[in-house]
Amino acid sequence: MSARSHARAGDVAWGRMTKVNGELFALTYGAMVKRLLEDHSEIDEVNEHLEKMGYNIGIRLVDEFLAKSGLPPCSGFVETAEVVAKVAFRMFLGVTADVTGWNPEGTVFSLLLADNPLAEFVELPRQYRTLSYSNILCGVLRGALEMIQYRVEVQFVRDVLRGDDVNELRVELKEIMNEEMSEEYKED
């Protein structure tokens, strides 16, 4: 599938999804982050907690994506990146991302988000400059991709909340996992 057809598929999937008020979503997320900041003494702990929360969401969200998107399986990691950027982000967040910065091996890419619905109405105070406010997205990507056999590392490398011109998530493929059946499910 081409990037254009992925964008159309994203629009169709977005149209099928139950919508939540964007402002309510952003404010609720902000309240959760604020609570985490109150509960943890170190910002690195908050960043880690947001990533773990996202991971747990991602491993469940992939099932909904596969059921509702109507897309055939991707042919590889490059196509998977395009589907994540054009269909999954559109389907669940109402925005699309651009896939750029591939390394020669095709194992590392960046997702550029011009709009981040999680960060609307947010200004980070100076004491929180190391907070990866939207780090939950890194975990969601890691969890979802792991469920389709791609072990990845994801991190924010640029963030509008820190003064950058765009939000950039860097995704690095660490391993293509083999599907293996547990011994209890194998036939004798």
C-alpha atoms as a PDB file:
ATOM      1  CA  MET A   1       0.000   0.000   0.000  1.00  0.00           C
ATOM      2  CA  SER A   2       1.163   3.516  -0.674  1.00  0.00           C
ATOM      3  CA  ALA A   3       1.412   6.337   1.866  1.00  0.00           C
ATOM      4  CA  ARG A   4      -1.645   7.938   0.240  1.00  0.00           C
ATOM      5  CA  SER A   5      -3.749   4.797   0.648  1.00  0.00           C
ATOM      6  CA  HIS A   6      -2.556   4.509   4.254  1.00  0.00           C
ATOM      7  CA  ALA A   7      -3.742   8.071   4.835  1.00  0.00           C
ATOM      8  CA  ARG A   8      -7.150   7.189   3.363  1.00  0.00           C
ATOM      9  CA  ALA A   9      -7.298   4.074   5.553  1.00  0.00           C
ATOM     10  CA  GLY A  10      -6.499   6.274   8.547  1.00  0.00           C
ATOM     11  CA  ASP A  11      -9.342   8.622   7.701  1.00  0.00           C
ATOM     12  CA  VAL A  12     -11.757   5.699   7.345  1.00  0.00           C
ATOM     13  CA  ALA A  13     -10.610   4.200  10.658  1.00  0.00           C
ATOM     14  CA  TRP A  14     -10.931   7.603  12.361  1.00  0.00           C
ATOM     15  CA  GLY A  15     -14.484   7.861  11.065  1.00  0.00           C
ATOM     16  CA  ARG A  16     -15.389   4.504  12.616  1.00  0.00           C
ATOM     17  CA  MET A  17     -13.993   5.277  16.065  1.00  0.00           C
ATOM     18  CA  THR A  18     -16.051   6.473  19.012  1.00  0.00           C
ATOM     19  CA  LYS A  19     -14.874  10.007  19.718  1.00  0.00           C
ATOM     20  CA  VAL A  20     -13.900  11.551  23.031  1.00  0.00           C
ATOM     21  CA  ASN A  21     -13.813  15.305  23.505  1.00  0.00           C
ATOM     22  CA  GLY A  22     -10.212  16.341  22.768  1.00  0.00           C
ATOM     23  CA  GLU A  23     -10.094  18.970  25.478  1.00  0.00           C
ATOM     24  CA  LEU A  24     -11.378  16.530  28.091  1.00  0.00           C
ATOM     25  CA  PHE A  25      -8.817  13.966  26.946  1.00  0.00           C
ATOM     26  CA  ALA A  26      -5.922  16.447  27.156  1.00  0.00           C
ATOM     27  CA  LEU A  27      -6.998  17.807  30.535  1.00  0.00           C
ATOM     28  CA  THR A  28      -7.519  14.332  32.000  1.00  0.00           C
ATOM     29  CA  TYR A  29      -4.068  13.271  30.806  1.00  0.00           C
ATOM     30  CA  GLY A  30      -2.607  16.441  32.297  1.00  0.00           C
ATOM     31  CA  ALA A  31      -4.243  15.728  35.647  1.00  0.00           C
ATOM     32  CA  MET A  32      -2.767  12.224  35.606  1.00  0.00           C
ATOM     33  CA  VAL A  33       0.737  13.551  34.878  1.00  0.00           C
ATOM     34  CA  LYS A  34       0.353  16.132  37.643  1.00  0.00           C
ATOM     35  CA  ARG A  35      -0.613  13.383  40.074  1.00  0.00           C
ATOM     36  CA  LEU A  36       2.412  11.322  39.072  1.00  0.00           C
ATOM     37  CA  LEU A  37       4.634  14.342  39.683  1.00  0.00           C
ATOM     38  CA  GLU A  38       3.121  14.682  43.167  1.00  0.00           C
ATOM     39  CA  ASP A  39       3.572  10.962  43.911  1.00  0.00           C
ATOM     40  CA  HIS A  40       7.169  10.566  42.693  1.00  0.00           C
ATOM     41  CA  SER A  41      10.159  12.535  43.903  1.00  0.00           C
ATOM     42  CA  GLU A  42      12.234  12.133  40.736  1.00  0.00           C
ATOM     43  CA  ILE A  43      11.182  13.191  37.243  1.00  0.00           C
ATOM     44  CA  ASP A  44      12.955  10.150  35.785  1.00  0.00           C
ATOM     45  CA  GLU A  45      10.569   7.978  37.822  1.00  0.00           C
ATOM     46  CA  VAL A  46       7.607   9.813  36.302  1.00  0.00           C
ATOM     47  CA  ASN A  47       9.040   9.373  32.785  1.00  0.00           C
ATOM     48  CA  GLU A  48       9.515   5.656  33.451  1.00  0.00           C
ATOM     49  CA  HIS A  49       6.034   5.303  34.915  1.00  0.00           C
ATOM     50  CA  LEU A  50       4.439   7.028  31.896  1.00  0.00           C
ATOM     51  CA  GLU A  51       6.343   4.710  29.544  1.00  0.00           C
ATOM     52  CA  LYS A  52       5.216   1.614  31.477  1.00  0.00           C
ATOM     53  CA  MET A  53       1.606   2.811  31.466  1.00  0.00           C
ATOM     54  CA  GLY A  54       1.843   3.325  27.714  1.00  0.00           C
ATOM     55  CA  TYR A  55       3.342  -0.132  27.223  1.00  0.00           C
ATOM     56  CA  ASN A  56       0.391  -1.715  29.019  1.00  0.00           C
ATOM     57  CA  ILE A  57      -2.008   0.309  26.873  1.00  0.00           C
ATOM     58  CA  GLY A  58      -0.142  -0.600  23.676  1.00  0.00           C
ATOM     59  CA  ILE A  59      -0.287  -4.348  24.220  1.00  0.00           C
ATOM     60  CA  ARG A  60      -4.071  -4.083  24.448  1.00  0.00           C
ATOM     61  CA  LEU A  61      -4.620  -1.359  21.866  1.00  0.00           C
ATOM     62  CA  VAL A  62      -3.075  -3.396  19.066  1.00  0.00           C
ATOM     63  CA  ASP A  63      -6.003  -5.842  19.211  1.00  0.00           C
ATOM     64  CA  GLU A  64      -8.491  -3.021  18.693  1.00  0.00           C
ATOM     65  CA  PHE A  65      -6.380  -1.634  15.873  1.00  0.00           C
ATOM     66  CA  LEU A  66      -6.202  -4.979  14.087  1.00  0.00           C
ATOM     67  CA  ALA A  67      -9.933  -5.576  14.524  1.00  0.00           C
ATOM     68  CA  LYS A  68     -11.141  -2.130  13.456  1.00  0.00           C
ATOM     69  CA  SER A  69      -8.633  -0.916  10.878  1.00  0.00           C
ATOM     70  CA  GLY A  70      -9.491  -3.553   8.301  1.00  0.00           C
ATOM     71  CA  LEU A  71      -5.944  -3.533   6.959  1.00  0.00           C
ATOM     72  CA  PRO A  72      -4.104  -6.628   5.756  1.00  0.00           C
ATOM     73  CA  PRO A  73      -0.902  -7.608   7.575  1.00  0.00           C
ATOM     74  CA  CYS A  74       2.076  -5.376   6.836  1.00  0.00           C
ATOM     75  CA  SER A  75       4.842  -6.732   4.625  1.00  0.00           C
ATOM     76  CA  GLY A  76       7.667  -5.564   6.877  1.00  0.00           C
ATOM     77  CA  PHE A  77       8.978  -2.981   9.311  1.00  0.00           C
ATOM     78  CA  VAL A  78       8.974  -0.123   6.778  1.00  0.00           C
ATOM     79  CA  GLU A  79       5.299  -0.607   5.926  1.00  0.00           C
ATOM     80  CA  THR A  80       4.499  -1.050   9.630  1.00  0.00           C
ATOM     81  CA  ALA A  81       6.030   2.366  10.311  1.00  0.00           C
ATOM     82  CA  GLU A  82       3.810   3.962   7.652  1.00  0.00           C
ATOM     83  CA  VAL A  83       0.697   2.245   9.005  1.00  0.00           C
ATOM     84  CA  VAL A  84       1.489   3.412  12.539  1.00  0.00           C
ATOM     85  CA  ALA A  85       2.033   6.975  11.327  1.00  0.00           C
ATOM     86  CA  LYS A  86      -0.893   7.306   8.942  1.00  0.00           C
ATOM     87  CA  VAL A  87      -3.513   4.898  10.301  1.00  0.00           C
ATOM     88  CA  ALA A  88      -2.915   4.168  13.996  1.00  0.00           C
ATOM     89  CA  PHE A  89      -2.120   7.745  15.048  1.00  0.00           C
ATOM     90  CA  ARG A  90      -5.113   8.978  13.058  1.00  0.00           C
ATOM     91  CA  MET A  91      -7.383   6.254  14.395  1.00  0.00           C
ATOM     92  CA  PHE A  92      -6.617   6.797  18.077  1.00  0.00           C
ATOM     93  CA  LEU A  93      -5.395  10.408  18.361  1.00  0.00           C
ATOM     94  CA  GLY A  94      -6.923  12.108  15.339  1.00  0.00           C
ATOM     95  CA  VAL A  95      -3.521  13.189  13.989  1.00  0.00           C
ATOM     96  CA  THR A  96      -1.034  11.749  11.529  1.00  0.00           C
ATOM     97  CA  ALA A  97       2.720  11.578  11.721  1.00  0.00           C
ATOM     98  CA  ASP A  98       5.428  11.716   9.080  1.00  0.00           C
ATOM     99  CA  VAL A  99       7.947   8.893   8.855  1.00  0.00           C
ATOM    100  CA  THR A 100      11.466  10.202   8.222  1.00  0.00           C
ATOM    101  CA  GLY A 101      15.112   9.612   9.020  1.00  0.00           C
ATOM    102  CA  TRP A 102      15.447   5.958   8.095  1.00  0.00           C
ATOM    103  CA  ASN A 103      18.906   4.502   8.636  1.00  0.00           C
ATOM    104  CA  PRO A 104      20.439   2.517   5.721  1.00  0.00           C
ATOM    105  CA  GLU A 105      19.542  -0.813   7.334  1.00  0.00           C
ATOM    106  CA  GLY A 106      15.862   0.134   7.642  1.00  0.00           C
ATOM    107  CA  THR A 107      15.815  -0.447  11.398  1.00  0.00           C
ATOM    108  CA  VAL A 108      15.609   3.104  12.757  1.00  0.00           C
ATOM    109  CA  PHE A 109      13.152   5.849  11.859  1.00  0.00           C
ATOM    110  CA  SER A 110      11.563   8.968  13.282  1.00  0.00           C
ATOM    111  CA  LEU A 111       7.902   9.844  13.637  1.00  0.00           C
ATOM    112  CA  LEU A 112       7.331  13.597  13.368  1.00  0.00           C
ATOM    113  CA  LEU A 113       4.164  14.902  14.992  1.00  0.00           C
ATOM    114  CA  ALA A 114       3.257  18.477  14.180  1.00  0.00           C
ATOM    115  CA  ASP A 115       0.334  18.266  16.621  1.00  0.00           C
ATOM    116  CA  ASN A 116       0.362  16.388  19.893  1.00  0.00           C
ATOM    117  CA  PRO A 117      -3.143  16.192  21.357  1.00  0.00           C
ATOM    118  CA  LEU A 118      -1.733  15.167  24.752  1.00  0.00           C
ATOM    119  CA  ALA A 119       0.186  18.411  25.086  1.00  0.00           C
ATOM    120  CA  GLU A 120      -2.578  20.901  24.330  1.00  0.00           C
ATOM    121  CA  PHE A 121      -2.943  23.564  27.032  1.00  0.00           C
ATOM    122  CA  VAL A 122       0.443  22.563  28.508  1.00  0.00           C
ATOM    123  CA  GLU A 123       3.419  24.717  29.427  1.00  0.00           C
ATOM    124  CA  LEU A 124       6.175  22.996  31.344  1.00  0.00           C
ATOM    125  CA  PRO A 125       7.619  24.969  34.258  1.00  0.00           C
ATOM    126  CA  ARG A 126      11.406  25.238  34.296  1.00  0.00           C
ATOM    127  CA  GLN A 127      11.778  22.660  37.106  1.00  0.00           C
ATOM    128  CA  TYR A 128      10.141  20.041  34.833  1.00  0.00           C
ATOM    129  CA  ARG A 129      12.370  20.588  31.783  1.00  0.00           C
ATOM    130  CA  THR A 130      13.501  16.924  31.891  1.00  0.00           C
ATOM    131  CA  LEU A 131       9.930  15.617  31.984  1.00  0.00           C
ATOM    132  CA  SER A 132       8.947  13.688  28.867  1.00  0.00           C
ATOM    133  CA  TYR A 133       5.351  14.802  29.215  1.00  0.00           C
ATOM    134  CA  SER A 134       4.019  12.577  26.423  1.00  0.00           C
ATOM    135  CA  ASN A 135       6.261   9.613  27.216  1.00  0.00           C
ATOM    136  CA  ILE A 136       3.165   7.431  27.357  1.00  0.00           C
ATOM    137  CA  LEU A 137       3.255   7.463  23.528  1.00  0.00           C
ATOM    138  CA  CYS A 138       6.684   5.808  23.586  1.00  0.00           C
ATOM    139  CA  GLY A 139       5.289   3.006  25.707  1.00  0.00           C
ATOM    140  CA  VAL A 140       2.189   2.600  23.545  1.00  0.00           C
ATOM    141  CA  LEU A 141       4.370   2.191  20.457  1.00  0.00           C
ATOM    142  CA  ARG A 142       6.716  -0.228  22.209  1.00  0.00           C
ATOM    143  CA  GLY A 143       3.847  -2.362  23.536  1.00  0.00           C
ATOM    144  CA  ALA A 144       1.864  -2.438  20.298  1.00  0.00           C
ATOM    145  CA  LEU A 145       4.875  -3.245  18.122  1.00  0.00           C
ATOM    146  CA  GLU A 146       5.994  -5.969  20.510  1.00  0.00           C
ATOM    147  CA  MET A 147       2.612  -7.651  20.098  1.00  0.00           C
ATOM    148  CA  ILE A 148       3.256  -7.914  16.352  1.00  0.00           C
ATOM    149  CA  GLN A 149       6.733  -9.334  16.929  1.00  0.00           C
ATOM    150  CA  TYR A 150       8.884  -6.166  16.737  1.00  0.00           C
ATOM    151  CA  ARG A 151      10.927  -5.451  19.862  1.00  0.00           C
ATOM    152  CA  VAL A 152      11.744  -1.746  19.692  1.00  0.00           C
ATOM    153  CA  GLU A 153      13.091   1.109  21.770  1.00  0.00           C
ATOM    154  CA  VAL A 154      11.222   4.402  21.477  1.00  0.00           C
ATOM    155  CA  GLN A 155      12.185   7.784  22.830  1.00  0.00           C
ATOM    156  CA  PHE A 156      11.282  11.433  22.413  1.00  0.00           C
ATOM    157  CA  VAL A 157      14.214  13.255  20.840  1.00  0.00           C
ATOM    158  CA  ARG A 158      12.428  16.549  20.190  1.00  0.00           C
ATOM    159  CA  ASP A 159       9.462  18.005  22.017  1.00  0.00           C
ATOM    160  CA  VAL A 160       7.521  21.208  21.360  1.00  0.00           C
ATOM    161  CA  LEU A 161       7.083  21.585  25.121  1.00  0.00           C
ATOM    162  CA  ARG A 162      10.869  21.960  25.399  1.00  0.00           C
ATOM    163  CA  GLY A 163      11.040  24.585  22.673  1.00  0.00           C
ATOM    164  CA  ASP A 164      11.582  22.360  19.638  1.00  0.00           C
ATOM    165  CA  ASP A 165       9.703  23.067  16.413  1.00  0.00           C
ATOM    166  CA  VAL A 166       8.200  19.557  16.187  1.00  0.00           C
ATOM    167  CA  ASN A 167       7.630  16.452  18.281  1.00  0.00           C
ATOM    168  CA  GLU A 168       9.929  13.635  17.204  1.00  0.00           C
ATOM    169  CA  LEU A 169       9.802  10.063  18.413  1.00  0.00           C
ATOM    170  CA  ARG A 170      12.780   7.911  17.445  1.00  0.00           C
ATOM    171  CA  VAL A 171      11.990   4.222  16.956  1.00  0.00           C
ATOM    172  CA  GLU A 172      14.758   1.640  16.821  1.00  0.00           C
ATOM    173  CA  LEU A 173      14.129  -2.002  15.933  1.00  0.00           C
ATOM    174  CA  LYS A 174      16.072  -4.228  18.318  1.00  0.00           C
ATOM    175  CA  GLU A 175      14.746  -7.635  17.316  1.00  0.00           C
ATOM    176  CA  ILE A 176      12.181  -9.342  15.144  1.00  0.00           C
ATOM    177  CA  MET A 177      10.818 -11.919  17.532  1.00  0.00           C
ATOM    178  CA  ASN A 178       9.872 -15.424  16.466  1.00  0.00           C
ATOM    179  CA  GLU A 179       6.411 -16.683  17.229  1.00  0.00           C
ATOM    180  CA  GLU A 180       6.770 -19.737  19.361  1.00  0.00           C
ATOM    181  CA  MET A 181       4.083 -21.906  20.851  1.00  0.00           C
ATOM    182  CA  SER A 182       4.311 -22.841  24.456  1.00  0.00           C
ATOM    183  CA  GLU A 183       5.094 -26.504  25.074  1.00  0.00           C
ATOM    184  CA  GLU A 184       1.587 -27.056  26.458  1.00  0.00           C
ATOM    185  CA  TYR A 185       0.043 -26.194  23.072  1.00  0.00           C
ATOM    186  CA  LYS A 186       2.278 -28.373  20.887  1.00  0.00           C
ATOM    187  CA  GLU A 187       0.956 -31.654  19.594  1.00  0.00           C
ATOM    188  CA  ASP A 188       2.714 -34.845  20.561  1.00  0.00           C
END
